Amino acid sequence: MRNTIVIYVRSFLVLAHNHRTGKEEAITVPVTKEQLRASQLVGQSSTELVGRLCERQSYTVVKIGTPVRHSITLNLEELVKQYQEHQDAKAKWNYLYGGGAE
């Protein structure tokens, strides 16, 4: 049984204006292959997609760099194990201190 997932990502280095602080920052915007394909289906370029993703986080794009390709491999067994450990710690906290842990 295959217990890993590979996600293909392109990360764009973006110089953006942060509306919360009023300063320009260098941020990294990861975009999956599926997001790029979906944006192309509706006639958007990758720069328009990155701009829209930045606007959702209160940034205005000043300049977009060239993307870098990455492949991210996720081990599902490890993720489930970490999730279960987190749930156990949360249940213990709730038992000891009366709820409120997230």
PDB file of N, CA and C in Angstrom:
ATOM      1  N   MET A   1       0.840  -1.184   0.000  1.00  0.00           N
ATOM      2  CA  MET A   1       0.000   0.000   0.000  1.00  0.00           C
ATOM      3  C   MET A   1       0.886   1.249   0.000  1.00  0.00           C
ATOM      4  N   ARG A   2       0.529   2.185  -0.826  1.00  0.00           N
ATOM      5  CA  ARG A   2       1.298   3.419  -0.943  1.00  0.00           C
ATOM      6  C   ARG A   2       0.881   4.387   0.158  1.00  0.00           C
ATOM      7  N   ASN A   3       1.828   4.827   0.970  1.00  0.00           N
ATOM      8  CA  ASN A   3       1.533   5.690   2.105  1.00  0.00           C
ATOM      9  C   ASN A   3       2.133   7.081   1.975  1.00  0.00           C
ATOM     10  N   THR A   4       2.470   7.473   0.759  1.00  0.00           N
ATOM     11  CA  THR A   4       3.019   8.805   0.565  1.00  0.00           C
ATOM     12  C   THR A   4       2.247   9.526  -0.542  1.00  0.00           C
ATOM     13  N   ILE A   5       2.218  10.832  -0.426  1.00  0.00           N
ATOM     14  CA  ILE A   5       1.619  11.688  -1.443  1.00  0.00           C
ATOM     15  C   ILE A   5       2.689  12.684  -1.861  1.00  0.00           C
ATOM     16  N   VAL A   6       2.797  12.905  -3.162  1.00  0.00           N
ATOM     17  CA  VAL A   6       3.739  13.891  -3.675  1.00  0.00           C
ATOM     18  C   VAL A   6       2.933  15.054  -4.235  1.00  0.00           C
ATOM     19  N   ILE A   7       3.244  16.265  -3.763  1.00  0.00           N
ATOM     20  CA  ILE A   7       2.585  17.476  -4.230  1.00  0.00           C
ATOM     21  C   ILE A   7       3.628  18.309  -4.973  1.00  0.00           C
ATOM     22  N   TYR A   8       3.298  18.650  -6.207  1.00  0.00           N
ATOM     23  CA  TYR A   8       4.207  19.465  -7.006  1.00  0.00           C
ATOM     24  C   TYR A   8       3.839  20.931  -6.840  1.00  0.00           C
ATOM     25  N   VAL A   9       4.832  21.735  -6.437  1.00  0.00           N
ATOM     26  CA  VAL A   9       4.605  23.130  -6.083  1.00  0.00           C
ATOM     27  C   VAL A   9       5.609  24.005  -6.817  1.00  0.00           C
ATOM     28  N   ARG A  10       5.140  25.181  -7.169  1.00  0.00           N
ATOM     29  CA  ARG A  10       6.050  26.224  -7.641  1.00  0.00           C
ATOM     30  C   ARG A  10       5.962  27.357  -6.637  1.00  0.00           C
ATOM     31  N   SER A  11       7.105  27.806  -6.165  1.00  0.00           N
ATOM     32  CA  SER A  11       7.109  28.897  -5.197  1.00  0.00           C
ATOM     33  C   SER A  11       7.650  30.153  -5.878  1.00  0.00           C
ATOM     34  N   PHE A  12       6.879  31.215  -5.755  1.00  0.00           N
ATOM     35  CA  PHE A  12       7.236  32.499  -6.345  1.00  0.00           C
ATOM     36  C   PHE A  12       7.773  33.402  -5.240  1.00  0.00           C
ATOM     37  N   LEU A  13       8.934  33.995  -5.471  1.00  0.00           N
ATOM     38  CA  LEU A  13       9.455  35.007  -4.562  1.00  0.00           C
ATOM     39  C   LEU A  13       8.830  36.328  -4.990  1.00  0.00           C
ATOM     40  N   VAL A  14       8.120  36.981  -4.060  1.00  0.00           N
ATOM     41  CA  VAL A  14       7.340  38.164  -4.387  1.00  0.00           C
ATOM     42  C   VAL A  14       7.757  39.320  -3.487  1.00  0.00           C
ATOM     43  N   LEU A  15       7.954  40.465  -4.082  1.00  0.00           N
ATOM     44  CA  LEU A  15       8.125  41.697  -3.326  1.00  0.00           C
ATOM     45  C   LEU A  15       6.740  42.306  -3.249  1.00  0.00           C
ATOM     46  N   ALA A  16       6.217  42.441  -2.022  1.00  0.00           N
ATOM     47  CA  ALA A  16       4.834  42.883  -1.854  1.00  0.00           C
ATOM     48  C   ALA A  16       4.730  43.952  -0.779  1.00  0.00           C
ATOM     49  N   HIS A  17       3.714  44.791  -0.930  1.00  0.00           N
ATOM     50  CA  HIS A  17       3.414  45.822   0.055  1.00  0.00           C
ATOM     51  C   HIS A  17       2.404  45.238   1.046  1.00  0.00           C
ATOM     52  N   ASN A  18       2.771  45.229   2.317  1.00  0.00           N
ATOM     53  CA  ASN A  18       1.899  44.713   3.370  1.00  0.00           C
ATOM     54  C   ASN A  18       1.013  45.853   3.859  1.00  0.00           C
ATOM     55  N   HIS A  19      -0.308  45.679   3.699  1.00  0.00           N
ATOM     56  CA  HIS A  19      -1.236  46.743   4.096  1.00  0.00           C
ATOM     57  C   HIS A  19      -1.395  46.843   5.614  1.00  0.00           C
ATOM     58  N   ARG A  20      -1.067  45.782   6.326  1.00  0.00           N
ATOM     59  CA  ARG A  20      -1.181  45.825   7.792  1.00  0.00           C
ATOM     60  C   ARG A  20      -0.070  46.647   8.413  1.00  0.00           C
ATOM     61  N   THR A  21       1.151  46.511   7.896  1.00  0.00           N
ATOM     62  CA  THR A  21       2.287  47.235   8.461  1.00  0.00           C
ATOM     63  C   THR A  21       2.673  48.460   7.647  1.00  0.00           C
ATOM     64  N   GLY A  22       2.244  48.514   6.391  1.00  0.00           N
ATOM     65  CA  GLY A  22       2.596  49.635   5.530  1.00  0.00           C
ATOM     66  C   GLY A  22       3.989  49.541   4.937  1.00  0.00           C
ATOM     67  N   LYS A  23       4.633  48.378   5.042  1.00  0.00           N
ATOM     68  CA  LYS A  23       5.993  48.201   4.547  1.00  0.00           C
ATOM     69  C   LYS A  23       6.023  47.193   3.417  1.00  0.00           C
ATOM     70  N   GLU A  24       7.098  47.254   2.633  1.00  0.00           N
ATOM     71  CA  GLU A  24       7.313  46.255   1.594  1.00  0.00           C
ATOM     72  C   GLU A  24       8.084  45.088   2.185  1.00  0.00           C
ATOM     73  N   GLU A  25       7.677  43.879   1.793  1.00  0.00           N
ATOM     74  CA  GLU A  25       8.302  42.662   2.310  1.00  0.00           C
ATOM     75  C   GLU A  25       8.566  41.696   1.160  1.00  0.00           C
ATOM     76  N   ALA A  26       9.571  40.857   1.339  1.00  0.00           N
ATOM     77  CA  ALA A  26       9.815  39.746   0.418  1.00  0.00           C
ATOM     78  C   ALA A  26       9.103  38.522   0.994  1.00  0.00           C
ATOM     79  N   ILE A  27       8.130  37.986   0.258  1.00  0.00           N
ATOM     80  CA  ILE A  27       7.384  36.825   0.718  1.00  0.00           C
ATOM     81  C   ILE A  27       7.484  35.724  -0.326  1.00  0.00           C
ATOM     82  N   THR A  28       7.210  34.515   0.087  1.00  0.00           N
ATOM     83  CA  THR A  28       7.179  33.377  -0.812  1.00  0.00           C
ATOM     84  C   THR A  28       5.737  32.918  -0.948  1.00  0.00           C
ATOM     85  N   VAL A  29       5.290  32.764  -2.181  1.00  0.00           N
ATOM     86  CA  VAL A  29       3.920  32.338  -2.450  1.00  0.00           C
ATOM     87  C   VAL A  29       3.977  30.966  -3.133  1.00  0.00           C
ATOM     88  N   PRO A  30       3.599  29.905  -2.420  1.00  0.00           N
ATOM     89  CA  PRO A  30       3.576  28.578  -3.044  1.00  0.00           C
ATOM     90  C   PRO A  30       2.274  28.364  -3.809  1.00  0.00           C
ATOM     91  N   VAL A  31       2.389  27.795  -4.997  1.00  0.00           N
ATOM     92  CA  VAL A  31       1.234  27.521  -5.841  1.00  0.00           C
ATOM     93  C   VAL A  31       1.340  26.084  -6.335  1.00  0.00           C
ATOM     94  N   THR A  32       0.275  25.312  -6.160  1.00  0.00           N
ATOM     95  CA  THR A  32       0.297  23.922  -6.620  1.00  0.00           C
ATOM     96  C   THR A  32       0.052  23.866  -8.122  1.00  0.00           C
ATOM     97  N   LYS A  33       0.414  22.745  -8.687  1.00  0.00           N
ATOM     98  CA  LYS A  33       0.212  22.526 -10.110  1.00  0.00           C
ATOM     99  C   LYS A  33      -1.276  22.604 -10.462  1.00  0.00           C
ATOM    100  N   GLU A  34      -2.112  22.089  -9.569  1.00  0.00           N
ATOM    101  CA  GLU A  34      -3.559  22.109  -9.800  1.00  0.00           C
ATOM    102  C   GLU A  34      -4.101  23.531  -9.804  1.00  0.00           C
ATOM    103  N   GLN A  35      -3.588  24.383  -8.912  1.00  0.00           N
ATOM    104  CA  GLN A  35      -4.018  25.777  -8.888  1.00  0.00           C
ATOM    105  C   GLN A  35      -3.637  26.476 -10.193  1.00  0.00           C
ATOM    106  N   LEU A  36      -2.438  26.194 -10.695  1.00  0.00           N
ATOM    107  CA  LEU A  36      -2.007  26.793 -11.954  1.00  0.00           C
ATOM    108  C   LEU A  36      -2.889  26.337 -13.108  1.00  0.00           C
ATOM    109  N   ARG A  37      -3.197  25.058 -13.145  1.00  0.00           N
ATOM    110  CA  ARG A  37      -4.061  24.538 -14.214  1.00  0.00           C
ATOM    111  C   ARG A  37      -5.451  25.147 -14.151  1.00  0.00           C
ATOM    112  N   ALA A  38      -6.005  25.268 -12.955  1.00  0.00           N
ATOM    113  CA  ALA A  38      -7.336  25.836 -12.802  1.00  0.00           C
ATOM    114  C   ALA A  38      -7.359  27.297 -13.239  1.00  0.00           C
ATOM    115  N   SER A  39      -6.322  28.036 -12.893  1.00  0.00           N
ATOM    116  CA  SER A  39      -6.291  29.447 -13.297  1.00  0.00           C
ATOM    117  C   SER A  39      -6.159  29.571 -14.807  1.00  0.00           C
ATOM    118  N   GLN A  40      -5.425  28.665 -15.432  1.00  0.00           N
ATOM    119  CA  GLN A  40      -5.288  28.698 -16.887  1.00  0.00           C
ATOM    120  C   GLN A  40      -6.609  28.364 -17.578  1.00  0.00           C
ATOM    121  N   LEU A  41      -7.409  27.501 -16.957  1.00  0.00           N
ATOM    122  CA  LEU A  41      -8.717  27.159 -17.528  1.00  0.00           C
ATOM    123  C   LEU A  41      -9.636  28.367 -17.629  1.00  0.00           C
ATOM    124  N   VAL A  42      -9.537  29.280 -16.664  1.00  0.00           N
ATOM    125  CA  VAL A  42     -10.388  30.466 -16.690  1.00  0.00           C
ATOM    126  C   VAL A  42      -9.685  31.663 -17.330  1.00  0.00           C
ATOM    127  N   GLY A  43      -8.518  31.421 -17.924  1.00  0.00           N
ATOM    128  CA  GLY A  43      -7.831  32.467 -18.666  1.00  0.00           C
ATOM    129  C   GLY A  43      -6.931  33.365 -17.853  1.00  0.00           C
ATOM    130  N   GLN A  44      -6.545  32.938 -16.657  1.00  0.00           N
ATOM    131  CA  GLN A  44      -5.633  33.737 -15.834  1.00  0.00           C
ATOM    132  C   GLN A  44      -4.208  33.267 -16.015  1.00  0.00           C
ATOM    133  N   SER A  45      -3.290  34.199 -15.931  1.00  0.00           N
ATOM    134  CA  SER A  45      -1.875  33.849 -15.967  1.00  0.00           C
ATOM    135  C   SER A  45      -1.414  33.519 -14.547  1.00  0.00           C
ATOM    136  N   SER A  46      -0.209  33.009 -14.437  1.00  0.00           N
ATOM    137  CA  SER A  46       0.333  32.687 -13.116  1.00  0.00           C
ATOM    138  C   SER A  46       0.551  33.954 -12.293  1.00  0.00           C
ATOM    139  N   THR A  47       0.896  35.060 -12.949  1.00  0.00           N
ATOM    140  CA  THR A  47       1.085  36.313 -12.207  1.00  0.00           C
ATOM    141  C   THR A  47      -0.237  36.827 -11.652  1.00  0.00           C
ATOM    142  N   GLU A  48      -1.316  36.651 -12.404  1.00  0.00           N
ATOM    143  CA  GLU A  48      -2.630  37.053 -11.898  1.00  0.00           C
ATOM    144  C   GLU A  48      -3.046  36.187 -10.718  1.00  0.00           C
ATOM    145  N   LEU A  49      -2.738  34.901 -10.785  1.00  0.00           N
ATOM    146  CA  LEU A  49      -3.043  33.991  -9.681  1.00  0.00           C
ATOM    147  C   LEU A  49      -2.277  34.387  -8.429  1.00  0.00           C
ATOM    148  N   VAL A  50      -0.982  34.650  -8.574  1.00  0.00           N
ATOM    149  CA  VAL A  50      -0.162  35.046  -7.429  1.00  0.00           C
ATOM    150  C   VAL A  50      -0.669  36.365  -6.854  1.00  0.00           C
ATOM    151  N   GLY A  51      -1.035  37.299  -7.710  1.00  0.00           N
ATOM    152  CA  GLY A  51      -1.574  38.572  -7.245  1.00  0.00           C
ATOM    153  C   GLY A  51      -2.860  38.388  -6.449  1.00  0.00           C
ATOM    154  N   ARG A  52      -3.733  37.493  -6.930  1.00  0.00           N
ATOM    155  CA  ARG A  52      -4.990  37.243  -6.223  1.00  0.00           C
ATOM    156  C   ARG A  52      -4.744  36.578  -4.873  1.00  0.00           C
ATOM    157  N   LEU A  53      -3.789  35.630  -4.831  1.00  0.00           N
ATOM    158  CA  LEU A  53      -3.456  34.973  -3.564  1.00  0.00           C
ATOM    159  C   LEU A  53      -2.870  35.967  -2.561  1.00  0.00           C
ATOM    160  N   CYS A  54      -2.068  36.895  -3.047  1.00  0.00           N
ATOM    161  CA  CYS A  54      -1.483  37.909  -2.166  1.00  0.00           C
ATOM    162  C   CYS A  54      -2.552  38.859  -1.639  1.00  0.00           C
ATOM    163  N   GLU A  55      -3.486  39.247  -2.490  1.00  0.00           N
ATOM    164  CA  GLU A  55      -4.545  40.163  -2.071  1.00  0.00           C
ATOM    165  C   GLU A  55      -5.392  39.566  -0.958  1.00  0.00           C
ATOM    166  N   ARG A  56      -5.564  38.256  -0.966  1.00  0.00           N
ATOM    167  CA  ARG A  56      -6.323  37.595   0.103  1.00  0.00           C
ATOM    168  C   ARG A  56      -5.650  37.740   1.463  1.00  0.00           C
ATOM    169  N   GLN A  57      -4.332  37.919   1.451  1.00  0.00           N
ATOM    170  CA  GLN A  57      -3.569  38.043   2.694  1.00  0.00           C
ATOM    171  C   GLN A  57      -3.174  39.490   2.985  1.00  0.00           C
ATOM    172  N   SER A  58      -3.842  40.446   2.373  1.00  0.00           N
ATOM    173  CA  SER A  58      -3.612  41.890   2.568  1.00  0.00           C
ATOM    174  C   SER A  58      -2.257  42.357   2.051  1.00  0.00           C
ATOM    175  N   TYR A  59      -1.857  41.842   0.901  1.00  0.00           N
ATOM    176  CA  TYR A  59      -0.629  42.278   0.243  1.00  0.00           C
ATOM    177  C   TYR A  59      -0.974  42.803  -1.145  1.00  0.00           C
ATOM    178  N   THR A  60      -0.206  43.763  -1.613  1.00  0.00           N
ATOM    179  CA  THR A  60      -0.273  44.202  -2.999  1.00  0.00           C
ATOM    180  C   THR A  60       1.070  43.871  -3.629  1.00  0.00           C
ATOM    181  N   VAL A  61       1.042  43.204  -4.758  1.00  0.00           N
ATOM    182  CA  VAL A  61       2.262  42.763  -5.424  1.00  0.00           C
ATOM    183  C   VAL A  61       2.979  43.952  -6.040  1.00  0.00           C
ATOM    184  N   VAL A  62       4.279  44.038  -5.766  1.00  0.00           N
ATOM    185  CA  VAL A  62       5.133  45.048  -6.387  1.00  0.00           C
ATOM    186  C   VAL A  62       5.909  44.404  -7.527  1.00  0.00           C
ATOM    187  N   LYS A  63       6.491  43.221  -7.264  1.00  0.00           N
ATOM    188  CA  LYS A  63       7.274  42.517  -8.270  1.00  0.00           C
ATOM    189  C   LYS A  63       7.231  41.024  -7.980  1.00  0.00           C
ATOM    190  N   ILE A  64       7.117  40.232  -9.038  1.00  0.00           N
ATOM    191  CA  ILE A  64       7.097  38.771  -8.905  1.00  0.00           C
ATOM    192  C   ILE A  64       8.336  38.206  -9.574  1.00  0.00           C
ATOM    193  N   GLY A  65       9.056  37.361  -8.834  1.00  0.00           N
ATOM    194  CA  GLY A  65      10.241  36.711  -9.376  1.00  0.00           C
ATOM    195  C   GLY A  65       9.891  35.443 -10.139  1.00  0.00           C
ATOM    196  N   THR A  66      10.906  34.793 -10.655  1.00  0.00           N
ATOM    197  CA  THR A  66      10.678  33.544 -11.389  1.00  0.00           C
ATOM    198  C   THR A  66      10.394  32.413 -10.398  1.00  0.00           C
ATOM    199  N   PRO A  67       9.521  31.481 -10.767  1.00  0.00           N
ATOM    200  CA  PRO A  67       9.171  30.409  -9.838  1.00  0.00           C
ATOM    201  C   PRO A  67      10.262  29.352  -9.730  1.00  0.00           C
ATOM    202  N   VAL A  68      10.286  28.714  -8.569  1.00  0.00           N
ATOM    203  CA  VAL A  68      11.196  27.594  -8.325  1.00  0.00           C
ATOM    204  C   VAL A  68      10.337  26.363  -8.128  1.00  0.00           C
ATOM    205  N   ARG A  69      10.677  25.287  -8.819  1.00  0.00           N
ATOM    206  CA  ARG A  69       9.897  24.057  -8.728  1.00  0.00           C
ATOM    207  C   ARG A  69      10.335  23.233  -7.524  1.00  0.00           C
ATOM    208  N   HIS A  70       9.331  22.684  -6.830  1.00  0.00           N
ATOM    209  CA  HIS A  70       9.584  21.810  -5.695  1.00  0.00           C
ATOM    210  C   HIS A  70       8.635  20.620  -5.786  1.00  0.00           C
ATOM    211  N   SER A  71       9.049  19.522  -5.203  1.00  0.00           N
ATOM    212  CA  SER A  71       8.112  18.419  -4.988  1.00  0.00           C
ATOM    213  C   SER A  71       8.132  18.117  -3.496  1.00  0.00           C
ATOM    214  N   ILE A  72       6.940  18.093  -2.913  1.00  0.00           N
ATOM    215  CA  ILE A  72       6.807  17.874  -1.480  1.00  0.00           C
ATOM    216  C   ILE A  72       6.235  16.480  -1.278  1.00  0.00           C
ATOM    217  N   THR A  73       6.928  15.660  -0.507  1.00  0.00           N
ATOM    218  CA  THR A  73       6.469  14.315  -0.243  1.00  0.00           C
ATOM    219  C   THR A  73       5.946  14.233   1.178  1.00  0.00           C
ATOM    220  N   LEU A  74       4.707  13.789   1.318  1.00  0.00           N
ATOM    221  CA  LEU A  74       4.070  13.646   2.623  1.00  0.00           C
ATOM    222  C   LEU A  74       3.922  12.176   2.955  1.00  0.00           C
ATOM    223  N   ASN A  75       4.384  11.805   4.131  1.00  0.00           N
ATOM    224  CA  ASN A  75       4.220  10.445   4.621  1.00  0.00           C
ATOM    225  C   ASN A  75       2.923  10.404   5.426  1.00  0.00           C
ATOM    226  N   LEU A  76       1.929   9.727   4.903  1.00  0.00           N
ATOM    227  CA  LEU A  76       0.608   9.728   5.532  1.00  0.00           C
ATOM    228  C   LEU A  76       0.608   9.065   6.900  1.00  0.00           C
ATOM    229  N   GLU A  77       1.392   8.010   7.072  1.00  0.00           N
ATOM    230  CA  GLU A  77       1.451   7.347   8.380  1.00  0.00           C
ATOM    231  C   GLU A  77       1.966   8.304   9.450  1.00  0.00           C
ATOM    232  N   GLU A  78       3.009   9.068   9.122  1.00  0.00           N
ATOM    233  CA  GLU A  78       3.563  10.033  10.075  1.00  0.00           C
ATOM    234  C   GLU A  78       2.570  11.153  10.379  1.00  0.00           C
ATOM    235  N   LEU A  79       1.858  11.610   9.358  1.00  0.00           N
ATOM    236  CA  LEU A  79       0.871  12.661   9.584  1.00  0.00           C
ATOM    237  C   LEU A  79      -0.249  12.196  10.504  1.00  0.00           C
ATOM    238  N   VAL A  80      -0.722  10.967  10.296  1.00  0.00           N
ATOM    239  CA  VAL A  80      -1.784  10.426  11.151  1.00  0.00           C
ATOM    240  C   VAL A  80      -1.268  10.256  12.570  1.00  0.00           C
ATOM    241  N   LYS A  81      -0.036   9.787  12.708  1.00  0.00           N
ATOM    242  CA  LYS A  81       0.563   9.603  14.028  1.00  0.00           C
ATOM    243  C   LYS A  81       0.675  10.941  14.771  1.00  0.00           C
ATOM    244  N   GLN A  82       1.141  11.988  14.077  1.00  0.00           N
ATOM    245  CA  GLN A  82       1.241  13.305  14.685  1.00  0.00           C
ATOM    246  C   GLN A  82      -0.130  13.852  15.068  1.00  0.00           C
ATOM    247  N   TYR A  83      -1.120  13.614  14.213  1.00  0.00           N
ATOM    248  CA  TYR A  83      -2.466  14.077  14.497  1.00  0.00           C
ATOM    249  C   TYR A  83      -3.020  13.376  15.737  1.00  0.00           C
ATOM    250  N   GLN A  84      -2.805  12.077  15.838  1.00  0.00           N
ATOM    251  CA  GLN A  84      -3.289  11.334  16.998  1.00  0.00           C
ATOM    252  C   GLN A  84      -2.604  11.794  18.276  1.00  0.00           C
ATOM    253  N   GLU A  85      -1.300  12.054  18.208  1.00  0.00           N
ATOM    254  CA  GLU A  85      -0.579  12.556  19.375  1.00  0.00           C
ATOM    255  C   GLU A  85      -1.126  13.920  19.797  1.00  0.00           C
ATOM    256  N   HIS A  86      -1.431  14.750  18.826  1.00  0.00           N
ATOM    257  CA  HIS A  86      -2.000  16.064  19.121  1.00  0.00           C
ATOM    258  C   HIS A  86      -3.371  15.915  19.778  1.00  0.00           C
ATOM    259  N   GLN A  87      -4.194  15.023  19.259  1.00  0.00           N
ATOM    260  CA  GLN A  87      -5.527  14.804  19.828  1.00  0.00           C
ATOM    261  C   GLN A  87      -5.429  14.251  21.249  1.00  0.00           C
ATOM    262  N   ASP A  88      -4.466  13.354  21.485  1.00  0.00           N
ATOM    263  CA  ASP A  88      -4.277  12.808  22.828  1.00  0.00           C
ATOM    264  C   ASP A  88      -3.842  13.900  23.807  1.00  0.00           C
ATOM    265  N   ALA A  89      -2.921  14.753  23.379  1.00  0.00           N
ATOM    266  CA  ALA A  89      -2.464  15.852  24.237  1.00  0.00           C
ATOM    267  C   ALA A  89      -3.602  16.829  24.510  1.00  0.00           C
ATOM    268  N   LYS A  90      -4.421  17.080  23.513  1.00  0.00           N
ATOM    269  CA  LYS A  90      -5.565  17.970  23.673  1.00  0.00           C
ATOM    270  C   LYS A  90      -6.579  17.384  24.658  1.00  0.00           C
ATOM    271  N   ALA A  91      -6.836  16.078  24.539  1.00  0.00           N
ATOM    272  CA  ALA A  91      -7.775  15.426  25.457  1.00  0.00           C
ATOM    273  C   ALA A  91      -7.236  15.458  26.888  1.00  0.00           C
ATOM    274  N   LYS A  92      -5.929  15.240  27.045  1.00  0.00           N
ATOM    275  CA  LYS A  92      -5.311  15.282  28.374  1.00  0.00           C
ATOM    276  C   LYS A  92      -5.430  16.696  28.963  1.00  0.00           C
ATOM    277  N   TRP A  93      -5.159  17.716  28.151  1.00  0.00           N
ATOM    278  CA  TRP A  93      -5.275  19.096  28.607  1.00  0.00           C
ATOM    279  C   TRP A  93      -6.712  19.391  29.038  1.00  0.00           C
ATOM    280  N   ASN A  94      -7.664  18.975  28.226  1.00  0.00           N
ATOM    281  CA  ASN A  94      -9.076  19.208  28.560  1.00  0.00           C
ATOM    282  C   ASN A  94      -9.478  18.510  29.849  1.00  0.00           C
ATOM    283  N   TYR A  95      -8.956  17.307  30.056  1.00  0.00           N
ATOM    284  CA  TYR A  95      -9.252  16.552  31.273  1.00  0.00           C
ATOM    285  C   TYR A  95      -8.666  17.254  32.499  1.00  0.00           C
ATOM    286  N   LEU A  96      -7.417  17.698  32.386  1.00  0.00           N
ATOM    287  CA  LEU A  96      -6.741  18.304  33.510  1.00  0.00           C
ATOM    288  C   LEU A  96      -7.213  19.721  33.819  1.00  0.00           C
ATOM    289  N   TYR A  97      -7.470  20.503  32.787  1.00  0.00           N
ATOM    290  CA  TYR A  97      -7.730  21.921  32.993  1.00  0.00           C
ATOM    291  C   TYR A  97      -9.136  22.369  32.596  1.00  0.00           C
ATOM    292  N   GLY A  98      -9.988  21.443  32.239  1.00  0.00           N
ATOM    293  CA  GLY A  98     -11.384  21.778  31.997  1.00  0.00           C
ATOM    294  C   GLY A  98     -11.731  22.386  30.661  1.00  0.00           C
ATOM    295  N   GLY A  99     -11.051  21.971  29.601  1.00  0.00           N
ATOM    296  CA  GLY A  99     -11.436  22.418  28.272  1.00  0.00           C
ATOM    297  C   GLY A  99     -10.687  23.648  27.826  1.00  0.00           C
ATOM    298  N   GLY A 100     -10.982  24.027  26.602  1.00  0.00           N
ATOM    299  CA  GLY A 100     -10.403  25.239  26.056  1.00  0.00           C
ATOM    300  C   GLY A 100      -9.183  25.009  25.174  1.00  0.00           C
ATOM    301  N   ALA A 101      -8.613  23.822  25.136  1.00  0.00           N
ATOM    302  CA  ALA A 101      -7.441  23.585  24.298  1.00  0.00           C
ATOM    303  C   ALA A 101      -7.885  23.363  22.862  1.00  0.00           C
ATOM    304  N   GLU A 102      -7.092  23.903  21.939  1.00  0.00           N
ATOM    305  CA  GLU A 102      -7.423  23.720  20.524  1.00  0.00           C
ATOM    306  C   GLU A 102      -6.264  23.177  19.772  1.00  0.00           C
TER     307      GLU A 102
END
